[in-house]
C-alpha atoms as a PDB file:
ATOM      1  CA  UNK A   1      22.986  -0.157  14.088  1.00  0.00           C
ATOM      2  CA  UNK A   2      20.963  -3.396  14.023  1.00  0.00           C
ATOM      3  CA  UNK A   3      20.343  -4.994  10.640  1.00  0.00           C
ATOM      4  CA  UNK A   4      16.813  -5.544   9.676  1.00  0.00           C
ATOM      5  CA  UNK A   5      15.497  -8.510   7.892  1.00  0.00           C
ATOM      6  CA  UNK A   6      12.947  -8.372   4.983  1.00  0.00           C
ATOM      7  CA  UNK A   7      10.535 -10.458   7.181  1.00  0.00           C
ATOM      8  CA  UNK A   8      10.691  -7.633   9.793  1.00  0.00           C
ATOM      9  CA  UNK A   9       9.931  -5.208   7.308  1.00  0.00           C
ATOM     10  CA  UNK A  10       6.925  -7.220   6.076  1.00  0.00           C
ATOM     11  CA  UNK A  11       5.614  -7.703   9.606  1.00  0.00           C
ATOM     12  CA  UNK A  12       6.001  -4.047  10.263  1.00  0.00           C
ATOM     13  CA  UNK A  13       4.188  -3.150   7.123  1.00  0.00           C
ATOM     14  CA  UNK A  14       1.392  -5.577   8.114  1.00  0.00           C
ATOM     15  CA  UNK A  15       0.953  -4.222  11.472  1.00  0.00           C
ATOM     16  CA  UNK A  16       1.114  -0.777  10.206  1.00  0.00           C
ATOM     17  CA  UNK A  17      -1.736  -1.218   7.805  1.00  0.00           C
ATOM     18  CA  UNK A  18      -3.926  -2.868  10.285  1.00  0.00           C
ATOM     19  CA  UNK A  19      -3.003  -0.252  12.975  1.00  0.00           C
ATOM     20  CA  UNK A  20      -3.755   2.591  10.445  1.00  0.00           C
ATOM     21  CA  UNK A  21      -7.193   1.291   9.420  1.00  0.00           C
ATOM     22  CA  UNK A  22      -8.152   0.724  13.185  1.00  0.00           C
ATOM     23  CA  UNK A  23      -6.983   4.045  14.377  1.00  0.00           C
ATOM     24  CA  UNK A  24      -8.231   6.276  11.716  1.00  0.00           C
ATOM     25  CA  UNK A  25     -11.454   4.309  10.648  1.00  0.00           C
ATOM     26  CA  UNK A  26     -12.168   1.755  13.435  1.00  0.00           C
ATOM     27  CA  UNK A  27     -11.814  -0.925  10.813  1.00  0.00           C
ATOM     28  CA  UNK A  28     -10.502  -4.366  11.485  1.00  0.00           C
ATOM     29  CA  UNK A  29      -8.347  -5.739   8.525  1.00  0.00           C
ATOM     30  CA  UNK A  30      -7.504  -9.342   8.334  1.00  0.00           C
ATOM     31  CA  UNK A  31      -4.264 -10.293   6.518  1.00  0.00           C
ATOM     32  CA  UNK A  32      -4.203 -13.000   3.898  1.00  0.00           C
ATOM     33  CA  UNK A  33      -1.449 -15.221   2.598  1.00  0.00           C
ATOM     34  CA  UNK A  34       1.630 -13.220   1.765  1.00  0.00           C
ATOM     35  CA  UNK A  35       3.060 -13.745  -1.556  1.00  0.00           C
ATOM     36  CA  UNK A  36       6.919 -13.455  -1.772  1.00  0.00           C
ATOM     37  CA  UNK A  37       6.662 -11.232  -4.941  1.00  0.00           C
ATOM     38  CA  UNK A  38       4.990  -8.000  -6.037  1.00  0.00           C
ATOM     39  CA  UNK A  39       2.071  -9.409  -7.937  1.00  0.00           C
ATOM     40  CA  UNK A  40       0.865  -7.829 -11.105  1.00  0.00           C
ATOM     41  CA  UNK A  41      -2.399  -6.179 -10.163  1.00  0.00           C
ATOM     42  CA  UNK A  42      -5.099  -4.429 -12.087  1.00  0.00           C
ATOM     43  CA  UNK A  43      -6.070  -1.679  -9.622  1.00  0.00           C
ATOM     44  CA  UNK A  44      -8.629   1.092  -9.840  1.00  0.00           C
ATOM     45  CA  UNK A  45      -6.587   3.239  -7.250  1.00  0.00           C
ATOM     46  CA  UNK A  46      -2.992   2.746  -6.239  1.00  0.00           C
ATOM     47  CA  UNK A  47      -0.892   4.821  -3.872  1.00  0.00           C
ATOM     48  CA  UNK A  48       2.738   4.460  -4.062  1.00  0.00           C
ATOM     49  CA  UNK A  49       5.178   5.832  -1.421  1.00  0.00           C
ATOM     50  CA  UNK A  50       8.948   5.789  -1.857  1.00  0.00           C
ATOM     51  CA  UNK A  51      11.159   4.857   1.082  1.00  0.00           C
ATOM     52  CA  UNK A  52      14.800   5.966   1.413  1.00  0.00           C
ATOM     53  CA  UNK A  53      17.416   5.604   4.062  1.00  0.00           C
ATOM     54  CA  UNK A  54      19.410   2.650   5.015  1.00  0.00           C
ATOM     55  CA  UNK A  55      16.973   0.501   2.889  1.00  0.00           C
ATOM     56  CA  UNK A  56      15.379   1.946  -0.237  1.00  0.00           C
ATOM     57  CA  UNK A  57      12.069   0.837  -1.880  1.00  0.00           C
ATOM     58  CA  UNK A  58       8.427   1.270  -2.230  1.00  0.00           C
ATOM     59  CA  UNK A  59       5.256   0.583  -0.316  1.00  0.00           C
ATOM     60  CA  UNK A  60       2.366   0.228  -2.771  1.00  0.00           C
ATOM     61  CA  UNK A  61      -1.311   0.300  -1.626  1.00  0.00           C
ATOM     62  CA  UNK A  62      -3.741  -1.007  -4.226  1.00  0.00           C
ATOM     63  CA  UNK A  63      -7.464  -1.443  -4.249  1.00  0.00           C
ATOM     64  CA  UNK A  64     -10.689  -1.589  -6.289  1.00  0.00           C
ATOM     65  CA  UNK A  65     -13.091   1.454  -6.651  1.00  0.00           C
ATOM     66  CA  UNK A  66     -15.765   0.071  -4.203  1.00  0.00           C
ATOM     67  CA  UNK A  67     -13.082  -0.390  -1.526  1.00  0.00           C
ATOM     68  CA  UNK A  68     -11.739   3.030  -2.240  1.00  0.00           C
ATOM     69  CA  UNK A  69     -15.027   4.610  -2.074  1.00  0.00           C
ATOM     70  CA  UNK A  70     -15.578   2.919   1.385  1.00  0.00           C
ATOM     71  CA  UNK A  71     -12.300   3.921   2.607  1.00  0.00           C
ATOM     72  CA  UNK A  72     -12.862   7.623   1.485  1.00  0.00           C
ATOM     73  CA  UNK A  73     -16.120   7.814   3.155  1.00  0.00           C
ATOM     74  CA  UNK A  74     -14.817   6.578   6.403  1.00  0.00           C
ATOM     75  CA  UNK A  75     -11.568   8.363   6.454  1.00  0.00           C
ATOM     76  CA  UNK A  76     -12.948  11.633   5.259  1.00  0.00           C
ATOM     77  CA  UNK A  77     -16.206  11.315   7.089  1.00  0.00           C
ATOM     78  CA  UNK A  78     -18.333  12.014   3.972  1.00  0.00           C
ATOM     79  CA  UNK A  79     -21.553  10.713   2.688  1.00  0.00           C
ATOM     80  CA  UNK A  80     -20.315  10.299  -1.104  1.00  0.00           C
ATOM     81  CA  UNK A  81     -16.850  10.016  -2.448  1.00  0.00           C
ATOM     82  CA  UNK A  82     -16.078  11.607  -5.777  1.00  0.00           C
ATOM     83  CA  UNK A  83     -12.763  10.997  -7.646  1.00  0.00           C
ATOM     84  CA  UNK A  84     -10.967  13.688  -5.856  1.00  0.00           C
ATOM     85  CA  UNK A  85     -12.055  12.518  -2.494  1.00  0.00           C
ATOM     86  CA  UNK A  86     -10.876   8.928  -3.529  1.00  0.00           C
ATOM     87  CA  UNK A  87      -7.532  10.141  -4.700  1.00  0.00           C
ATOM     88  CA  UNK A  88      -7.036  12.159  -1.397  1.00  0.00           C
ATOM     89  CA  UNK A  89      -8.106   9.324   0.870  1.00  0.00           C
ATOM     90  CA  UNK A  90      -5.922   6.688  -0.881  1.00  0.00           C
ATOM     91  CA  UNK A  91      -2.856   9.102  -0.878  1.00  0.00           C
ATOM     92  CA  UNK A  92      -3.635   9.955   2.983  1.00  0.00           C
ATOM     93  CA  UNK A  93      -3.829   6.258   3.628  1.00  0.00           C
ATOM     94  CA  UNK A  94      -0.817   5.221   1.863  1.00  0.00           C
ATOM     95  CA  UNK A  95       1.111   8.154   3.493  1.00  0.00           C
ATOM     96  CA  UNK A  96      -0.237   7.116   6.893  1.00  0.00           C
ATOM     97  CA  UNK A  97       0.833   3.535   6.501  1.00  0.00           C
ATOM     98  CA  UNK A  98       4.189   4.577   5.325  1.00  0.00           C
ATOM     99  CA  UNK A  99       4.460   6.958   8.230  1.00  0.00           C
ATOM    100  CA  UNK A 100       3.740   4.293  10.804  1.00  0.00           C
ATOM    101  CA  UNK A 101       6.350   2.221   9.144  1.00  0.00           C
ATOM    102  CA  UNK A 102       8.839   4.920   9.114  1.00  0.00           C
ATOM    103  CA  UNK A 103       8.273   5.572  12.869  1.00  0.00           C
ATOM    104  CA  UNK A 104       8.636   1.931  13.873  1.00  0.00           C
ATOM    105  CA  UNK A 105      11.453   1.378  11.456  1.00  0.00           C
ATOM    106  CA  UNK A 106      13.412   4.612  12.784  1.00  0.00           C
ATOM    107  CA  UNK A 107      12.924   3.635  16.388  1.00  0.00           C
ATOM    108  CA  UNK A 108      14.669   0.311  15.938  1.00  0.00           C
ATOM    109  CA  UNK A 109      16.836   0.534  12.977  1.00  0.00           C
ATOM    110  CA  UNK A 110      17.775   4.167  11.965  1.00  0.00           C
ATOM    111  CA  UNK A 111      17.129   6.668   9.415  1.00  0.00           C
ATOM    112  CA  UNK A 112      14.006   6.441   7.103  1.00  0.00           C
ATOM    113  CA  UNK A 113      12.796   9.170   4.590  1.00  0.00           C
ATOM    114  CA  UNK A 114       9.409   8.935   2.748  1.00  0.00           C
ATOM    115  CA  UNK A 115       8.444  10.496  -0.570  1.00  0.00           C
ATOM    116  CA  UNK A 116       5.044  12.083  -1.345  1.00  0.00           C
ATOM    117  CA  UNK A 117       2.549   9.658  -2.230  1.00  0.00           C
ATOM    118  CA  UNK A 118       1.846   9.025  -5.988  1.00  0.00           C
ATOM    119  CA  UNK A 119      -1.637   8.045  -6.985  1.00  0.00           C
ATOM    120  CA  UNK A 120      -2.389   6.021 -10.047  1.00  0.00           C
ATOM    121  CA  UNK A 121      -4.830   3.673 -11.710  1.00  0.00           C
ATOM    122  CA  UNK A 122      -4.436   0.885 -14.051  1.00  0.00           C
ATOM    123  CA  UNK A 123      -2.231  -2.357 -14.208  1.00  0.00           C
ATOM    124  CA  UNK A 124       0.817  -2.843 -12.310  1.00  0.00           C
ATOM    125  CA  UNK A 125       3.101  -5.617 -13.713  1.00  0.00           C
ATOM    126  CA  UNK A 126       6.656  -6.795 -13.158  1.00  0.00           C
ATOM    127  CA  UNK A 127       9.265  -5.559 -15.519  1.00  0.00           C
ATOM    128  CA  UNK A 128      10.102  -8.965 -16.380  1.00  0.00           C
ATOM    129  CA  UNK A 129       6.590  -9.657 -17.876  1.00  0.00           C
ATOM    130  CA  UNK A 130       5.728  -9.171 -21.539  1.00  0.00           C
ATOM    131  CA  UNK A 131       3.717  -6.028 -22.276  1.00  0.00           C
ATOM    132  CA  UNK A 132      -0.020  -5.998 -22.683  1.00  0.00           C
ATOM    133  CA  UNK A 133      -1.518  -4.878 -25.991  1.00  0.00           C
ATOM    134  CA  UNK A 134      -2.273  -1.510 -24.416  1.00  0.00           C
ATOM    135  CA  UNK A 135       0.994  -0.515 -22.867  1.00  0.00           C
ATOM    136  CA  UNK A 136      -0.410   3.031 -21.822  1.00  0.00           C
ATOM    137  CA  UNK A 137      -2.316   1.358 -18.949  1.00  0.00           C
ATOM    138  CA  UNK A 138       0.663  -0.272 -17.397  1.00  0.00           C
ATOM    139  CA  UNK A 139       3.284   0.795 -14.661  1.00  0.00           C
ATOM    140  CA  UNK A 140       6.264  -1.255 -14.402  1.00  0.00           C
ATOM    141  CA  UNK A 141       7.523  -2.151 -11.044  1.00  0.00           C
ATOM    142  CA  UNK A 142      10.415  -4.177  -9.690  1.00  0.00           C
ATOM    143  CA  UNK A 143       9.422  -7.867  -9.108  1.00  0.00           C
ATOM    144  CA  UNK A 144      11.159  -8.511  -5.636  1.00  0.00           C
ATOM    145  CA  UNK A 145       9.286  -7.972  -2.546  1.00  0.00           C
ATOM    146  CA  UNK A 146       5.954  -9.157  -1.148  1.00  0.00           C
ATOM    147  CA  UNK A 147       2.211  -8.702  -1.670  1.00  0.00           C
ATOM    148  CA  UNK A 148       0.135  -8.751   1.462  1.00  0.00           C
ATOM    149  CA  UNK A 149      -3.693  -9.001   0.784  1.00  0.00           C
ATOM    150  CA  UNK A 150      -6.132  -7.529   3.345  1.00  0.00           C
ATOM    151  CA  UNK A 151      -9.962  -7.750   3.720  1.00  0.00           C
ATOM    152  CA  UNK A 152     -12.490  -6.818   6.231  1.00  0.00           C
ATOM    153  CA  UNK A 153     -14.483  -9.760   7.762  1.00  0.00           C
ATOM    154  CA  UNK A 154     -17.571  -8.815   5.623  1.00  0.00           C
ATOM    155  CA  UNK A 155     -15.405  -8.374   2.457  1.00  0.00           C
ATOM    156  CA  UNK A 156     -16.508  -4.761   2.187  1.00  0.00           C
ATOM    157  CA  UNK A 157     -13.036  -3.583   1.728  1.00  0.00           C
ATOM    158  CA  UNK A 158     -10.221  -5.509  -0.095  1.00  0.00           C
ATOM    159  CA  UNK A 159      -6.880  -4.123  -0.523  1.00  0.00           C
ATOM    160  CA  UNK A 160      -3.255  -5.261  -1.432  1.00  0.00           C
ATOM    161  CA  UNK A 161      -0.220  -3.836   0.079  1.00  0.00           C
ATOM    162  CA  UNK A 162       3.065  -4.526  -1.698  1.00  0.00           C
ATOM    163  CA  UNK A 163       6.457  -3.923  -0.370  1.00  0.00           C
ATOM    164  CA  UNK A 164       9.711  -3.698  -2.470  1.00  0.00           C
ATOM    165  CA  UNK A 165      12.888  -3.094  -0.447  1.00  0.00           C
END
């Protein structure tokens, strides 16, 4: 079996994110500068999907409430997005991005399994960072990985996709 580099994983996730938005919502996403770490992010809605197989890690999809509402309206084809719709849409989107990644990774490199998406909100920070005053609003994540920011040309939707593997 061929060995996969982290750069290949990163580009596969980048492509999977853009393809998922284009296929499901006809939305073009532009990728920003990749940071070689999982950034602390204060997110209104975050979808986390675990990856298992030859490589183990997480795909994390984080966005603000306004972007999450736009995604929910487009993905679910609804006029107004309530909290449940937003959670469903972000979970579905995170699951679809991870699913595209799984298909591409499996075709080239072997076995990949995905966990069910976990939807949370609040601050994500690296384990190595000191805790904030309100520790109840934090989720600790490993700090090795990448953060890929995406936005639409009009800035209506902004998201971050983080990969730790």
